[in-house]
Amino acid sequence: MEYKKFLVIGGSRGIGRDIINHFKGESLSRSNGYDITNSPSRKKIAHISLNYDVVVNHAYCGDFSQTLMLKDLCDLWIEKKKKGYIINTGSMSSYRFNGKKDEKWWLMSAVKTGQDQYINYLSHGAAWRKEINFRITNVRPGMLDTERGRQKPHFKTGIRGEDYCQLIEYLLSTPEDLIISEIILEAKCHH
């Protein structure tokens, strides 16, 4: 399959914008009227996604909306027997959760763990369930080198947009019968 048409959900800035620019894709985000925090908007995005070969689910809103967006996408793609590739931006947070009392950290870890489980279920199912015609990969980056990422007090170095784009190019170049459930990206910190 040739992957020509790219859609990034949450591509108005940072890594999402880098993906759009690199692949000459399109974006659906709050900045152009698509809000994944409400169900009708998620359903509309899922229907629009049927016109694309690659969908990068990159929008994170601090709650379970990204996971619900992923479920709406996958449910519709299964129903419509859609071929293509869904790439989800997960997080290293679910590996690094250490029981901190910071509610924001705990919530992000819980949200991303839910995504991990759902994608593992789908990607393993794609290997043997005939109704799943698309591939799906969860990309779990560590710290992102974005304007927002650089403002964090613990920022040292991070994943750049071009790194993420090269990874997407690699995923799309692999044989269609190869299922890659998860990839972890982390920038090496030099102290």
Protein backbone atom coordinates (compact mmCIF):
# COMPACT_ATOMS: atom_id res chain seq x y z
CA MET A 1 0.00 0.00 0.00
CA GLU A 2 1.18 3.50 -0.75
CA TYR A 3 0.76 5.93 2.11
CA LYS A 4 0.14 9.30 0.48
CA LYS A 5 -2.47 11.18 2.50
CA PHE A 6 -1.61 12.14 6.08
CA LEU A 7 -3.87 13.43 8.82
CA VAL A 8 -2.57 14.58 12.19
CA ILE A 9 -5.04 14.94 15.02
CA GLY A 10 -3.60 17.70 17.16
CA GLY A 11 -1.13 19.12 14.69
CA SER A 12 -1.34 22.84 15.33
CA ARG A 13 2.09 23.15 17.00
CA GLY A 14 5.23 21.32 18.08
CA ILE A 15 5.84 17.77 16.85
CA GLY A 16 2.36 17.57 15.27
CA ARG A 17 3.09 20.60 13.10
CA ASP A 18 6.49 19.12 12.18
CA ILE A 19 4.75 15.93 10.99
CA ILE A 20 2.27 17.93 8.90
CA ASN A 21 5.05 19.97 7.29
CA HIS A 22 7.25 16.94 6.61
CA PHE A 23 4.52 14.79 5.04
CA LYS A 24 2.48 17.67 3.58
CA GLY A 25 -0.45 16.48 5.65
CA GLU A 26 -3.49 18.07 7.14
CA SER A 27 -4.43 18.78 10.74
CA LEU A 28 -7.59 18.57 12.78
CA SER A 29 -7.25 20.28 16.13
CA ARG A 30 -8.92 22.78 18.42
CA SER A 31 -7.30 25.57 16.41
CA ASN A 32 -9.44 24.69 13.36
CA GLY A 33 -12.63 23.67 15.19
CA TYR A 34 -12.08 19.98 16.02
CA ASP A 35 -12.12 19.30 19.74
CA ILE A 36 -11.45 15.71 20.81
CA THR A 37 -12.92 16.41 24.25
CA ASN A 38 -16.46 16.11 22.91
CA SER A 39 -17.98 13.01 21.36
CA PRO A 40 -19.65 14.56 18.27
CA SER A 41 -16.34 16.15 17.26
CA ARG A 42 -14.48 12.84 17.75
CA LYS A 43 -17.06 11.02 15.59
CA LYS A 44 -16.68 13.66 12.87
CA ILE A 45 -12.87 13.35 12.97
CA ALA A 46 -13.15 9.55 12.73
CA HIS A 47 -15.34 9.88 9.60
CA ILE A 48 -12.95 12.40 8.04
CA SER A 49 -10.04 10.03 8.75
CA LEU A 50 -11.49 7.50 6.28
CA ASN A 51 -10.15 9.77 3.50
CA TYR A 52 -6.53 9.37 4.67
CA ASP A 53 -3.93 6.61 4.48
CA VAL A 54 -2.07 7.55 7.66
CA VAL A 55 -3.57 9.07 10.79
CA VAL A 56 -1.33 10.27 13.61
CA ASN A 57 -3.34 10.55 16.83
CA HIS A 58 -1.21 13.16 18.57
CA ALA A 59 -3.63 15.39 20.54
CA TYR A 60 -3.36 15.05 24.31
CA CYS A 61 -5.82 17.06 26.42
CA GLY A 62 -4.95 16.01 29.96
CA ASP A 63 -7.78 13.49 30.18
CA PHE A 64 -9.02 10.34 28.41
CA SER A 65 -10.03 12.20 25.22
CA GLN A 66 -7.05 10.99 23.17
CA THR A 67 -7.84 7.39 24.13
CA LEU A 68 -11.51 7.88 23.24
CA MET A 69 -10.43 9.42 19.91
CA LEU A 70 -8.29 6.37 19.25
CA LYS A 71 -11.22 4.05 20.03
CA ASP A 72 -13.59 6.01 17.75
CA LEU A 73 -11.00 5.84 14.94
CA CYS A 74 -10.37 2.14 15.32
CA ASP A 75 -14.04 1.18 15.71
CA LEU A 76 -14.90 2.99 12.47
CA TRP A 77 -11.87 1.67 10.58
CA ILE A 78 -12.80 -1.89 11.61
CA GLU A 79 -16.46 -1.35 10.66
CA LYS A 80 -15.49 0.08 7.23
CA LYS A 81 -12.69 -2.50 6.66
CA LYS A 82 -10.33 0.44 6.16
CA LYS A 83 -6.72 -0.16 5.19
CA GLY A 84 -4.03 2.23 6.31
CA TYR A 85 -1.89 3.04 9.31
CA ILE A 86 -2.78 4.62 12.65
CA ILE A 87 0.13 5.94 14.67
CA ASN A 88 -0.65 6.95 18.24
CA THR A 89 1.57 9.21 20.33
CA GLY A 90 1.75 7.53 23.70
CA SER A 91 4.19 8.36 26.48
CA MET A 92 6.98 6.97 28.59
CA SER A 93 4.96 8.12 31.63
CA SER A 94 3.26 4.76 32.07
CA TYR A 95 6.70 3.14 32.43
CA ARG A 96 7.94 5.81 34.78
CA PHE A 97 4.99 6.14 37.12
CA ASN A 98 6.33 5.97 40.65
CA GLY A 99 3.30 6.78 42.76
CA LYS A 100 3.99 10.50 43.02
CA LYS A 101 1.21 12.47 44.63
CA ASP A 102 1.09 14.92 41.71
CA GLU A 103 -2.41 14.32 40.33
CA LYS A 104 -1.50 15.57 36.83
CA TRP A 105 1.33 13.03 36.55
CA TRP A 106 -0.87 10.24 37.88
CA LEU A 107 -3.66 11.05 35.42
CA MET A 108 -1.30 11.19 32.42
CA SER A 109 0.19 7.85 33.43
CA ALA A 110 -3.27 6.27 33.78
CA VAL A 111 -4.44 7.69 30.44
CA LYS A 112 -1.35 6.51 28.57
CA THR A 113 -1.50 3.06 30.21
CA GLY A 114 -5.07 2.72 28.91
CA GLN A 115 -3.87 3.59 25.41
CA ASP A 116 -1.04 1.07 25.70
CA GLN A 117 -3.46 -1.72 26.60
CA TYR A 118 -5.94 -0.83 23.85
CA ILE A 119 -3.26 -0.62 21.15
CA ASN A 120 -1.67 -3.89 22.25
CA TYR A 121 -5.08 -5.54 22.00
CA LEU A 122 -5.63 -4.14 18.49
CA SER A 123 -2.16 -4.66 17.10
CA HIS A 124 -1.97 -8.25 18.32
CA GLY A 125 -5.49 -8.77 17.00
CA ALA A 126 -4.42 -7.41 13.60
CA ALA A 127 -2.09 -10.38 13.30
CA TRP A 128 -4.92 -12.91 13.42
CA ARG A 129 -8.33 -11.16 13.22
CA LYS A 130 -9.56 -10.75 9.64
CA GLU A 131 -11.72 -7.72 10.47
CA ILE A 132 -8.67 -5.55 11.26
CA ASN A 133 -7.20 -4.42 7.92
CA PHE A 134 -5.05 -1.56 9.19
CA ARG A 135 -1.79 -1.42 11.09
CA ILE A 136 -1.43 0.44 14.36
CA THR A 137 1.66 1.42 16.33
CA ASN A 138 1.99 3.17 19.66
CA VAL A 139 5.01 5.51 19.69
CA ARG A 140 6.12 6.23 23.23
CA PRO A 141 8.44 9.21 23.24
CA GLY A 142 10.23 10.51 26.27
CA MET A 143 10.67 14.26 26.63
CA LEU A 144 9.76 16.14 23.45
CA ASP A 145 11.98 18.96 22.20
CA THR A 146 9.22 21.48 21.67
CA GLU A 147 8.63 25.00 22.91
CA ARG A 148 6.48 23.62 25.75
CA GLY A 149 8.93 20.81 26.51
CA ARG A 150 11.88 23.19 26.79
CA GLN A 151 9.97 25.22 29.41
CA LYS A 152 9.80 22.28 31.82
CA PRO A 153 12.28 22.57 34.69
CA HIS A 154 13.67 19.06 34.15
CA PHE A 155 14.23 19.48 30.37
CA LYS A 156 17.74 18.56 29.23
CA THR A 157 17.21 17.25 25.71
CA GLY A 158 14.32 15.72 23.83
CA ILE A 159 12.86 14.03 20.77
CA ARG A 160 12.86 16.42 17.82
CA GLY A 161 10.19 16.65 15.14
CA GLU A 162 12.59 15.32 12.50
CA ASP A 163 13.29 12.27 14.72
CA TYR A 164 9.58 11.49 14.89
CA CYS A 165 9.17 11.98 11.13
CA GLN A 166 12.05 9.60 10.38
CA LEU A 167 10.40 7.02 12.63
CA ILE A 168 7.11 7.38 10.73
CA GLU A 169 8.99 6.94 7.43
CA TYR A 170 10.53 3.77 8.81
CA LEU A 171 7.16 2.38 9.98
CA LEU A 172 5.61 3.03 6.58
CA SER A 173 8.53 1.32 4.80
CA THR A 174 8.11 -1.98 6.64
CA PRO A 175 6.28 -4.92 5.04
CA GLU A 176 2.50 -4.78 5.44
CA ASP A 177 2.43 -8.14 7.17
CA LEU A 178 4.76 -6.86 9.90
CA ILE A 179 2.98 -5.72 13.05
CA ILE A 180 4.93 -3.23 15.16
CA SER A 181 2.89 -2.71 18.32
CA GLU A 182 5.12 -0.27 20.13
CA ILE A 183 8.24 1.82 19.68
CA ILE A 184 9.96 3.70 22.46
CA LEU A 185 11.94 6.85 21.65
CA GLU A 186 14.18 8.56 24.13
CA ALA A 187 16.84 11.19 23.69
CA LYS A 188 20.15 10.47 25.37
CA CYS A 189 20.80 12.93 28.18
CA HIS A 190 24.37 14.13 28.46
CA HIS A 191 25.11 15.37 31.96
